[in-house]
C-alpha atoms as a PDB file:
ATOM      1  CA  MET A   1     121.373  51.790  -1.740  1.00  0.00           C
ATOM      2  CA  THR A   2     122.790  51.842  -5.264  1.00  0.00           C
ATOM      3  CA  ASN A   3     120.469  54.159  -7.131  1.00  0.00           C
ATOM      4  CA  ARG A   4     122.278  55.559 -10.170  1.00  0.00           C
ATOM      5  CA  ASN A   5     120.783  59.039  -9.830  1.00  0.00           C
ATOM      6  CA  LEU A   6     122.030  59.209  -6.265  1.00  0.00           C
ATOM      7  CA  THR A   7     125.582  58.020  -6.783  1.00  0.00           C
ATOM      8  CA  ASN A   8     126.576  58.305 -10.459  1.00  0.00           C
ATOM      9  CA  PHE A   9     129.206  61.044 -10.594  1.00  0.00           C
ATOM     10  CA  ASN A  10     129.984  60.409 -14.289  1.00  0.00           C
ATOM     11  CA  LYS A  11     126.523  61.579 -15.316  1.00  0.00           C
ATOM     12  CA  LEU A  12     126.976  64.670 -13.158  1.00  0.00           C
ATOM     13  CA  PHE A  13     129.737  65.977 -15.424  1.00  0.00           C
ATOM     14  CA  THR A  14     127.836  65.828 -18.691  1.00  0.00           C
ATOM     15  CA  THR A  15     126.942  69.078 -20.426  1.00  0.00           C
ATOM     16  CA  PRO A  16     123.164  68.809 -19.841  1.00  0.00           C
ATOM     17  CA  TYR A  17     123.620  68.144 -16.107  1.00  0.00           C
ATOM     18  CA  LEU A  18     126.192  70.897 -15.670  1.00  0.00           C
ATOM     19  CA  ALA A  19     123.957  73.339 -17.537  1.00  0.00           C
ATOM     20  CA  ARG A  20     120.991  72.561 -15.274  1.00  0.00           C
ATOM     21  CA  ILE A  21     123.189  72.779 -12.173  1.00  0.00           C
ATOM     22  CA  ALA A  22     124.521  76.156 -13.325  1.00  0.00           C
ATOM     23  CA  VAL A  23     121.019  77.497 -13.976  1.00  0.00           C
ATOM     24  CA  LEU A  24     119.739  76.274 -10.610  1.00  0.00           C
ATOM     25  CA  ALA A  25     122.810  77.600  -8.765  1.00  0.00           C
ATOM     26  CA  GLY A  26     122.286  80.975 -10.448  1.00  0.00           C
ATOM     27  CA  LEU A  27     118.606  80.879  -9.525  1.00  0.00           C
ATOM     28  CA  GLY A  28     119.547  80.019  -5.939  1.00  0.00           C
ATOM     29  CA  ALA A  29     122.018  82.915  -5.812  1.00  0.00           C
ATOM     30  CA  ALA A  30     119.358  85.281  -7.161  1.00  0.00           C
ATOM     31  CA  LEU A  31     116.810  83.995  -4.630  1.00  0.00           C
ATOM     32  CA  SER A  32     119.332  84.546  -1.831  1.00  0.00           C
ATOM     33  CA  MET A  33     119.028  88.279  -2.505  1.00  0.00           C
ATOM     34  CA  LEU A  34     115.425  88.086  -1.245  1.00  0.00           C
ATOM     35  CA  GLU A  35     116.659  87.660   2.316  1.00  0.00           C
ATOM     36  CA  PHE A  36     114.964  89.269   5.270  1.00  0.00           C
ATOM     37  CA  PRO A  37     115.466  89.089   9.044  1.00  0.00           C
ATOM     38  CA  ILE A  38     112.640  87.540  11.053  1.00  0.00           C
ATOM     39  CA  PHE A  39     113.870  88.266  14.587  1.00  0.00           C
ATOM     40  CA  PRO A  40     114.468  91.960  15.436  1.00  0.00           C
ATOM     41  CA  ALA A  41     116.635  90.900  18.397  1.00  0.00           C
ATOM     42  CA  ALA A  42     118.862  88.771  16.119  1.00  0.00           C
ATOM     43  CA  PRO A  43     118.833  90.454  12.683  1.00  0.00           C
ATOM     44  CA  PHE A  44     121.722  88.307  11.424  1.00  0.00           C
ATOM     45  CA  PHE A  45     119.312  85.346  11.104  1.00  0.00           C
ATOM     46  CA  LYS A  46     118.028  86.118   7.614  1.00  0.00           C
ATOM     47  CA  LEU A  47     115.548  83.929   5.782  1.00  0.00           C
ATOM     48  CA  ASP A  48     115.692  83.435   2.013  1.00  0.00           C
ATOM     49  CA  PRO A  49     114.198  80.913  -0.448  1.00  0.00           C
ATOM     50  CA  SER A  50     117.494  79.964  -2.149  1.00  0.00           C
ATOM     51  CA  GLY A  51     117.394  76.421  -0.760  1.00  0.00           C
ATOM     52  CA  VAL A  52     114.472  75.653  -3.074  1.00  0.00           C
ATOM     53  CA  ALA A  53     116.830  75.700  -6.076  1.00  0.00           C
ATOM     54  CA  VAL A  54     119.169  73.294  -4.280  1.00  0.00           C
ATOM     55  CA  LEU A  55     116.323  70.918  -3.426  1.00  0.00           C
ATOM     56  CA  LEU A  56     115.037  71.028  -7.005  1.00  0.00           C
ATOM     57  CA  ALA A  57     118.496  70.087  -8.282  1.00  0.00           C
ATOM     58  CA  GLY A  58     118.781  67.259  -5.776  1.00  0.00           C
ATOM     59  CA  PHE A  59     115.338  65.792  -6.420  1.00  0.00           C
ATOM     60  CA  ALA A  60     115.752  65.998 -10.195  1.00  0.00           C
ATOM     61  CA  MET A  61     119.389  64.928 -10.578  1.00  0.00           C
ATOM     62  CA  GLY A  62     120.521  63.319  -7.322  1.00  0.00           C
ATOM     63  CA  LEU A  63     122.504  64.149  -4.209  1.00  0.00           C
ATOM     64  CA  PRO A  64     125.803  65.025  -5.956  1.00  0.00           C
ATOM     65  CA  ALA A  65     123.970  67.530  -8.183  1.00  0.00           C
ATOM     66  CA  GLY A  66     122.192  69.036  -5.169  1.00  0.00           C
ATOM     67  CA  ALA A  67     125.457  69.372  -3.239  1.00  0.00           C
ATOM     68  CA  LEU A  68     127.256  70.896  -6.235  1.00  0.00           C
ATOM     69  CA  THR A  69     124.389  73.347  -6.799  1.00  0.00           C
ATOM     70  CA  LEU A  70     124.607  74.341  -3.125  1.00  0.00           C
ATOM     71  CA  LEU A  71     128.371  74.829  -3.300  1.00  0.00           C
ATOM     72  CA  ILE A  72     128.194  76.987  -6.440  1.00  0.00           C
ATOM     73  CA  LYS A  73     125.254  78.993  -5.040  1.00  0.00           C
ATOM     74  CA  ASP A  74     127.181  79.752  -1.864  1.00  0.00           C
ATOM     75  CA  LEU A  75     130.383  80.623  -3.731  1.00  0.00           C
ATOM     76  CA  ILE A  76     128.376  83.104  -5.815  1.00  0.00           C
ATOM     77  CA  GLY A  77     126.878  84.266  -2.515  1.00  0.00           C
ATOM     78  CA  LEU A  78     130.338  85.352  -1.369  1.00  0.00           C
ATOM     79  CA  LEU A  79     130.276  87.921  -4.167  1.00  0.00           C
ATOM     80  CA  ILE A  80     126.636  88.937  -3.732  1.00  0.00           C
ATOM     81  CA  HIS A  81     126.682  89.237   0.073  1.00  0.00           C
ATOM     82  CA  PRO A  82     130.118  90.603   0.964  1.00  0.00           C
ATOM     83  CA  SER A  83     128.872  92.025   4.271  1.00  0.00           C
ATOM     84  CA  GLY A  84     127.951  88.536   5.524  1.00  0.00           C
ATOM     85  CA  GLY A  85     131.347  87.261   4.462  1.00  0.00           C
ATOM     86  CA  TRP A  86     132.327  83.654   4.363  1.00  0.00           C
ATOM     87  CA  VAL A  87     130.750  82.944   7.754  1.00  0.00           C
ATOM     88  CA  GLY A  88     127.222  83.558   6.497  1.00  0.00           C
ATOM     89  CA  GLN A  89     127.818  81.396   3.437  1.00  0.00           C
ATOM     90  CA  LEU A  90     129.372  78.671   5.598  1.00  0.00           C
ATOM     91  CA  ALA A  91     126.304  78.728   7.862  1.00  0.00           C
ATOM     92  CA  ASP A  92     124.042  78.416   4.815  1.00  0.00           C
ATOM     93  CA  PHE A  93     126.151  75.585   3.372  1.00  0.00           C
ATOM     94  CA  ILE A  94     126.156  73.590   6.623  1.00  0.00           C
ATOM     95  CA  ALA A  95     122.418  74.051   7.203  1.00  0.00           C
ATOM     96  CA  LEU A  96     121.301  73.247   3.656  1.00  0.00           C
ATOM     97  CA  LEU A  97     123.680  70.305   3.283  1.00  0.00           C
ATOM     98  CA  ALA A  98     122.273  68.886   6.515  1.00  0.00           C
ATOM     99  CA  PHE A  99     118.808  69.395   5.029  1.00  0.00           C
ATOM    100  CA  ILE A 100     119.355  67.849   1.592  1.00  0.00           C
ATOM    101  CA  VAL A 101     121.283  64.732   2.587  1.00  0.00           C
ATOM    102  CA  PRO A 102     118.488  62.996   4.543  1.00  0.00           C
ATOM    103  CA  ALA A 103     115.800  64.440   2.262  1.00  0.00           C
ATOM    104  CA  LEU A 104     117.396  62.977  -0.854  1.00  0.00           C
ATOM    105  CA  LEU A 105     118.488  59.696   0.719  1.00  0.00           C
ATOM    106  CA  ILE A 106     114.920  59.015   1.834  1.00  0.00           C
ATOM    107  CA  TYR A 107     113.428  60.160  -1.485  1.00  0.00           C
ATOM    108  CA  TYR A 108     115.765  58.029  -3.586  1.00  0.00           C
ATOM    109  CA  GLY A 109     114.975  54.985  -1.434  1.00  0.00           C
ATOM    110  CA  LYS A 110     111.598  55.009  -3.169  1.00  0.00           C
ATOM    111  CA  LYS A 111     110.650  57.987  -5.333  1.00  0.00           C
ATOM    112  CA  THR A 112     107.222  59.018  -4.114  1.00  0.00           C
ATOM    113  CA  ARG A 113     105.744  62.334  -3.030  1.00  0.00           C
ATOM    114  CA  THR A 114     105.257  60.854   0.434  1.00  0.00           C
ATOM    115  CA  ASN A 115     108.936  59.935   0.680  1.00  0.00           C
ATOM    116  CA  ALA A 116     109.892  63.393  -0.585  1.00  0.00           C
ATOM    117  CA  LEU A 117     107.798  64.923   2.203  1.00  0.00           C
ATOM    118  CA  ILE A 118     109.146  62.525   4.843  1.00  0.00           C
ATOM    119  CA  GLY A 119     112.675  63.223   3.608  1.00  0.00           C
ATOM    120  CA  MET A 120     112.222  66.979   3.857  1.00  0.00           C
ATOM    121  CA  ILE A 121     110.766  66.643   7.365  1.00  0.00           C
ATOM    122  CA  ALA A 122     113.799  64.573   8.360  1.00  0.00           C
ATOM    123  CA  GLY A 123     115.985  67.156   6.632  1.00  0.00           C
ATOM    124  CA  THR A 124     114.403  69.933   8.664  1.00  0.00           C
ATOM    125  CA  VAL A 125     115.174  68.112  11.908  1.00  0.00           C
ATOM    126  CA  THR A 126     118.745  67.419  10.787  1.00  0.00           C
ATOM    127  CA  MET A 127     119.177  71.036   9.718  1.00  0.00           C
ATOM    128  CA  VAL A 128     118.043  72.260  13.144  1.00  0.00           C
ATOM    129  CA  LEU A 129     120.551  69.981  14.882  1.00  0.00           C
ATOM    130  CA  ALA A 130     123.400  70.913  12.519  1.00  0.00           C
ATOM    131  CA  ALA A 131     122.600  74.618  12.920  1.00  0.00           C
ATOM    132  CA  ILE A 132     122.758  74.347  16.702  1.00  0.00           C
ATOM    133  CA  VAL A 133     126.196  72.714  16.580  1.00  0.00           C
ATOM    134  CA  ALA A 134     127.538  75.005  13.840  1.00  0.00           C
ATOM    135  CA  ASN A 135     126.302  78.216  15.429  1.00  0.00           C
ATOM    136  CA  VAL A 136     127.352  77.414  18.984  1.00  0.00           C
ATOM    137  CA  TYR A 137     130.753  75.869  18.220  1.00  0.00           C
ATOM    138  CA  ILE A 138     131.898  77.489  14.929  1.00  0.00           C
ATOM    139  CA  LEU A 139     130.001  80.578  13.789  1.00  0.00           C
ATOM    140  CA  PHE A 140     129.253  82.469  17.008  1.00  0.00           C
ATOM    141  CA  PRO A 141     132.773  81.899  18.405  1.00  0.00           C
ATOM    142  CA  PHE A 142     134.196  83.372  15.188  1.00  0.00           C
ATOM    143  CA  TYR A 143     132.340  86.617  15.960  1.00  0.00           C
ATOM    144  CA  HIS A 144     133.156  86.302  19.671  1.00  0.00           C
ATOM    145  CA  VAL A 145     129.481  86.163  20.635  1.00  0.00           C
ATOM    146  CA  PRO A 146     129.321  85.435  24.371  1.00  0.00           C
ATOM    147  CA  ASN A 147     126.953  82.781  25.700  1.00  0.00           C
ATOM    148  CA  ALA A 148     126.158  81.376  22.263  1.00  0.00           C
ATOM    149  CA  GLU A 149     124.041  78.649  23.825  1.00  0.00           C
ATOM    150  CA  THR A 150     121.506  81.271  24.961  1.00  0.00           C
ATOM    151  CA  TYR A 151     120.555  81.717  21.278  1.00  0.00           C
ATOM    152  CA  ILE A 152     119.509  78.078  20.805  1.00  0.00           C
ATOM    153  CA  ILE A 153     115.900  78.115  22.034  1.00  0.00           C
ATOM    154  CA  PRO A 154     114.787  81.665  21.167  1.00  0.00           C
ATOM    155  CA  PHE A 155     116.498  81.958  17.768  1.00  0.00           C
ATOM    156  CA  ILE A 156     118.423  79.009  16.276  1.00  0.00           C
ATOM    157  CA  ILE A 157     115.695  76.379  16.636  1.00  0.00           C
ATOM    158  CA  PRO A 158     112.730  78.555  15.544  1.00  0.00           C
ATOM    159  CA  PHE A 159     114.665  80.101  12.641  1.00  0.00           C
ATOM    160  CA  ASN A 160     115.696  76.745  11.214  1.00  0.00           C
ATOM    161  CA  LEU A 161     112.249  75.233  11.760  1.00  0.00           C
ATOM    162  CA  ILE A 162     110.670  78.133   9.878  1.00  0.00           C
ATOM    163  CA  LYS A 163     113.287  77.810   7.134  1.00  0.00           C
ATOM    164  CA  GLY A 164     112.789  74.036   6.856  1.00  0.00           C
ATOM    165  CA  VAL A 165     108.995  74.250   6.770  1.00  0.00           C
ATOM    166  CA  GLY A 166     109.111  77.025   4.177  1.00  0.00           C
ATOM    167  CA  LEU A 167     111.538  75.165   1.913  1.00  0.00           C
ATOM    168  CA  THR A 168     109.517  71.971   2.304  1.00  0.00           C
ATOM    169  CA  LEU A 169     106.202  73.569   1.384  1.00  0.00           C
ATOM    170  CA  ILE A 170     107.520  75.494  -1.614  1.00  0.00           C
ATOM    171  CA  THR A 171     109.488  72.539  -2.987  1.00  0.00           C
ATOM    172  CA  PHE A 172     106.682  70.059  -2.365  1.00  0.00           C
ATOM    173  CA  PHE A 173     104.231  72.074  -4.445  1.00  0.00           C
ATOM    174  CA  ILE A 174     106.492  73.179  -7.318  1.00  0.00           C
ATOM    175  CA  TYR A 175     108.718  70.142  -7.914  1.00  0.00           C
ATOM    176  CA  LYS A 176     106.194  67.904  -9.678  1.00  0.00           C
ATOM    177  CA  PRO A 177     105.142  70.484 -12.315  1.00  0.00           C
ATOM    178  CA  LEU A 178     108.795  71.468 -12.918  1.00  0.00           C
ATOM    179  CA  SER A 179     110.128  67.900 -12.901  1.00  0.00           C
ATOM    180  CA  PRO A 180     110.138  67.341 -16.696  1.00  0.00           C
ATOM    181  CA  ILE A 181     112.087  70.564 -17.264  1.00  0.00           C
ATOM    182  CA  LEU A 182     114.518  69.842 -14.429  1.00  0.00           C
ATOM    183  CA  LYS A 183     115.166  66.340 -15.726  1.00  0.00           C
ATOM    184  CA  GLY A 184     115.691  67.555 -19.297  1.00  0.00           C
ATOM    185  CA  LYS A 185     112.733  65.634 -20.668  1.00  0.00           C
ATOM    186  CA  ILE A 186     111.178  68.511 -22.603  1.00  0.00           C
ATOM    187  CA  LYS A 187     111.703  67.869 -26.321  1.00  0.00           C
ATOM    188  CA  SER A 188     111.547  70.454 -29.059  1.00  0.00           C
ATOM    189  CA  SER A 189     108.634  70.106 -31.486  1.00  0.00           C
ATOM    190  CA  ARG A 190     110.925  70.741 -34.466  1.00  0.00           C
END
């Protein structure tokens, strides 16, 4: 697959691309402040819509732009969410990167709404699998959580499925109307 939007790093470092990435990363960081726990028994699993900004960047400008938006969003997140520390941002980075890679690879194979939806469904599955591995072998051991594998079925899988479905639905419905703006195709009437 040699799609220029997917692999062209030179275009990524132009002023218009960097400006859009910065705006979307800032939007993602702002959206991350809308986090809320969904499981009273595991309040550290907090849901937020910040991944939408990352997906918008990826669909509009390619995988490198999506990954860079995610990285910047999570670095800003270190400042915004100091209580979660680097572990929470690492968990977010791993999960969302696992989500966007298959979603964007499938979408850029043939740019259709159907492929975008199929890609995000595949991304959700990949995110669930990556979250299981990351939580059980990296994140929970860092906090010395005993029996990390007991969190897989009641918390890790449902949380990431809910997150994936939510990100998919929001992105699916707002990307098309926002696409011209995200791709920089809005021209001034002057």
